[in-house]
C-alpha atoms as a PDB file:
ATOM      1  CA  MET A   1     -59.620 158.488 -64.059  1.00  0.00           C
ATOM      2  CA  ASN A   2     -59.501 161.890 -62.534  1.00  0.00           C
ATOM      3  CA  ILE A   3     -62.736 163.309 -61.034  1.00  0.00           C
ATOM      4  CA  GLN A   4     -62.200 166.600 -62.863  1.00  0.00           C
ATOM      5  CA  LEU A   5     -61.925 164.735 -66.150  1.00  0.00           C
ATOM      6  CA  LEU A   6     -65.147 162.847 -65.413  1.00  0.00           C
ATOM      7  CA  LYS A   7     -66.941 166.094 -64.546  1.00  0.00           C
ATOM      8  CA  CYS A   8     -65.680 167.671 -67.750  1.00  0.00           C
ATOM      9  CA  LYS A   9     -66.830 164.714 -69.855  1.00  0.00           C
ATOM     10  CA  ASN A  10     -70.177 164.675 -68.040  1.00  0.00           C
ATOM     11  CA  GLU A  11     -70.715 168.380 -68.763  1.00  0.00           C
ATOM     12  CA  SER A  12     -69.781 167.832 -72.385  1.00  0.00           C
ATOM     13  CA  LEU A  13     -72.196 164.918 -72.664  1.00  0.00           C
ATOM     14  CA  LEU A  14     -74.994 166.913 -71.018  1.00  0.00           C
ATOM     15  CA  LYS A  15     -74.445 169.763 -73.475  1.00  0.00           C
ATOM     16  CA  GLU A  16     -74.595 167.326 -76.383  1.00  0.00           C
ATOM     17  CA  ILE A  17     -77.842 165.863 -75.026  1.00  0.00           C
ATOM     18  CA  GLU A  18     -79.305 169.340 -74.604  1.00  0.00           C
ATOM     19  CA  ASN A  19     -78.310 170.291 -78.155  1.00  0.00           C
ATOM     20  CA  TYR A  20     -79.823 167.071 -79.484  1.00  0.00           C
ATOM     21  CA  GLU A  21     -83.082 167.640 -77.583  1.00  0.00           C
ATOM     22  CA  GLN A  22     -83.251 171.199 -78.909  1.00  0.00           C
ATOM     23  CA  HIS A  23     -82.632 169.893 -82.429  1.00  0.00           C
ATOM     24  CA  LEU A  24     -85.479 167.397 -82.010  1.00  0.00           C
ATOM     25  CA  LEU A  25     -87.854 170.135 -80.829  1.00  0.00           C
ATOM     26  CA  GLU A  26     -86.920 172.340 -83.778  1.00  0.00           C
ATOM     27  CA  HIS A  27     -87.404 169.426 -86.174  1.00  0.00           C
ATOM     28  CA  LEU A  28     -90.817 168.645 -84.651  1.00  0.00           C
ATOM     29  CA  HIS A  29     -91.894 172.274 -84.959  1.00  0.00           C
ATOM     30  CA  LYS A  30     -90.703 172.451 -88.567  1.00  0.00           C
ATOM     31  CA  LYS A  31     -92.474 169.208 -89.463  1.00  0.00           C
ATOM     32  CA  ILE A  32     -95.751 170.347 -87.866  1.00  0.00           C
ATOM     33  CA  SER A  33     -95.549 173.738 -89.591  1.00  0.00           C
ATOM     34  CA  THR A  34     -94.828 172.186 -92.968  1.00  0.00           C
ATOM     35  CA  LYS A  35     -97.723 169.755 -92.653  1.00  0.00           C
ATOM     36  CA  ALA A  36    -100.080 172.548 -91.614  1.00  0.00           C
ATOM     37  CA  GLU A  37     -99.013 174.774 -94.509  1.00  0.00           C
ATOM     38  CA  THR A  38     -99.356 171.920 -96.988  1.00  0.00           C
ATOM     39  CA  ARG A  39    -102.781 170.926 -95.730  1.00  0.00           C
ATOM     40  CA  LEU A  40    -104.096 174.481 -95.696  1.00  0.00           C
ATOM     41  CA  GLY A  41    -102.669 175.085 -99.173  1.00  0.00           C
ATOM     42  CA  GLU A  42    -104.446 171.988-100.468  1.00  0.00           C
ATOM     43  CA  GLN A  43    -107.686 173.130 -98.896  1.00  0.00           C
ATOM     44  CA  GLU A  44    -107.276 176.606-100.372  1.00  0.00           C
ATOM     45  CA  LEU A  45    -106.776 175.168-103.862  1.00  0.00           C
ATOM     46  CA  TYR A  46    -109.791 172.934-103.355  1.00  0.00           C
ATOM     47  CA  MET A  47    -111.945 175.890-102.345  1.00  0.00           C
ATOM     48  CA  MET A  48    -110.719 178.103-105.207  1.00  0.00           C
ATOM     49  CA  SER A  49    -111.403 175.477-107.850  1.00  0.00           C
ATOM     50  CA  GLU A  50    -114.897 174.800-106.546  1.00  0.00           C
ATOM     51  CA  GLU A  51    -117.631 175.747-108.981  1.00  0.00           C
ATOM     52  CA  ARG A  52    -120.287 178.002-107.481  1.00  0.00           C
ATOM     53  CA  GLY A  53    -123.843 176.752-107.463  1.00  0.00           C
ATOM     54  CA  LYS A  54    -126.314 177.917-110.052  1.00  0.00           C
ATOM     55  CA  ASP A  55    -129.388 176.209-108.688  1.00  0.00           C
ATOM     56  CA  GLU A  56    -130.703 175.127-105.282  1.00  0.00           C
ATOM     57  CA  LEU A  57    -129.352 171.564-105.468  1.00  0.00           C
ATOM     58  CA  SER A  58    -125.845 172.629-106.443  1.00  0.00           C
ATOM     59  CA  ILE A  59    -125.881 175.291-103.709  1.00  0.00           C
ATOM     60  CA  GLN A  60    -126.945 172.700-101.112  1.00  0.00           C
ATOM     61  CA  THR A  61    -124.153 170.418-102.310  1.00  0.00           C
ATOM     62  CA  PHE A  62    -121.687 173.286-102.063  1.00  0.00           C
ATOM     63  CA  ILE A  63    -122.903 174.165 -98.542  1.00  0.00           C
ATOM     64  CA  HIS A  64    -122.505 170.535 -97.463  1.00  0.00           C
ATOM     65  CA  LYS A  65    -118.957 170.427 -98.864  1.00  0.00           C
ATOM     66  CA  HIS A  66    -118.202 173.720 -97.162  1.00  0.00           C
ATOM     67  CA  GLN A  67    -119.497 172.449 -93.803  1.00  0.00           C
ATOM     68  CA  THR A  68    -117.419 169.297 -94.190  1.00  0.00           C
ATOM     69  CA  MET A  69    -114.403 171.458 -94.973  1.00  0.00           C
ATOM     70  CA  GLU A  70    -115.031 173.620 -91.897  1.00  0.00           C
ATOM     71  CA  GLN A  71    -115.193 170.514 -89.716  1.00  0.00           C
ATOM     72  CA  THR A  72    -111.960 169.197 -91.235  1.00  0.00           C
ATOM     73  CA  ILE A  73    -110.224 172.512 -90.547  1.00  0.00           C
ATOM     74  CA  GLU A  74    -111.577 172.588 -86.993  1.00  0.00           C
ATOM     75  CA  ASN A  75    -110.349 169.029 -86.385  1.00  0.00           C
ATOM     76  CA  TYR A  76    -106.957 169.913 -87.819  1.00  0.00           C
ATOM     77  CA  SER A  77    -106.860 173.004 -85.623  1.00  0.00           C
ATOM     78  CA  ASP A  78    -107.475 170.814 -82.569  1.00  0.00           C
ATOM     79  CA  ILE A  79    -104.637 168.510 -83.618  1.00  0.00           C
ATOM     80  CA  LEU A  80    -102.289 171.476 -84.055  1.00  0.00           C
ATOM     81  CA  ARG A  81    -103.285 172.816 -80.635  1.00  0.00           C
ATOM     82  CA  GLU A  82    -102.565 169.415 -79.055  1.00  0.00           C
ATOM     83  CA  LEU A  83     -99.190 169.200 -80.815  1.00  0.00           C
ATOM     84  CA  GLY A  84     -98.379 172.727 -79.645  1.00  0.00           C
ATOM     85  CA  ASP A  85     -99.211 171.729 -76.072  1.00  0.00           C
ATOM     86  CA  LYS A  86     -97.003 168.649 -76.399  1.00  0.00           C
ATOM     87  CA  ALA A  87     -94.135 170.787 -77.701  1.00  0.00           C
ATOM     88  CA  LYS A  88     -94.564 173.213 -74.781  1.00  0.00           C
ATOM     89  CA  ASN A  89     -94.537 170.297 -72.341  1.00  0.00           C
ATOM     90  CA  LEU A  90     -91.367 168.945 -73.959  1.00  0.00           C
ATOM     91  CA  ILE A  91     -89.720 172.338 -73.529  1.00  0.00           C
ATOM     92  CA  ILE A  92     -90.817 172.481 -69.880  1.00  0.00           C
ATOM     93  CA  ASP A  93     -89.477 168.953 -69.332  1.00  0.00           C
ATOM     94  CA  LEU A  94     -86.214 169.937 -71.007  1.00  0.00           C
ATOM     95  CA  GLU A  95     -85.881 173.012 -68.804  1.00  0.00           C
ATOM     96  CA  GLN A  96     -86.639 170.966 -65.687  1.00  0.00           C
ATOM     97  CA  SER A  97     -84.107 168.310 -66.656  1.00  0.00           C
ATOM     98  CA  ASN A  98     -81.511 171.035 -67.234  1.00  0.00           C
ATOM     99  CA  LEU A  99     -82.286 172.462 -63.797  1.00  0.00           C
ATOM    100  CA  SER A 100     -81.898 168.995 -62.269  1.00  0.00           C
ATOM    101  CA  ARG A 101     -78.570 168.551 -64.059  1.00  0.00           C
ATOM    102  CA  ASP A 102     -77.385 171.915 -62.781  1.00  0.00           C
ATOM    103  CA  LEU A 103     -78.310 170.960 -59.222  1.00  0.00           C
ATOM    104  CA  ILE A 104     -76.527 167.619 -59.567  1.00  0.00           C
ATOM    105  CA  ASN A 105     -73.390 169.246 -60.940  1.00  0.00           C
ATOM    106  CA  GLU A 106     -73.232 171.705 -58.056  1.00  0.00           C
END
């Protein structure tokens, strides 16, 4: 086979890989966003349907549920932050691999 043909096929393959990696990143972002929206929507419905306390015991129960909810949201926020960091690292890795490919092709 001709070297030019191999270079052309290699470039084509690298572009396909790059497009696939970009597609995966977009899919990951969409999946994370959808899960976050769903979870927050569920929590919002839960909070709206909650009956407000009329006596001290029911208020204490409500406060406990509210504190539990706050902790759940904080934990979920941490998970989203970690996933965001992972996505950023994947993008950095992708950019570095593209730079390496460019250097190799030169």
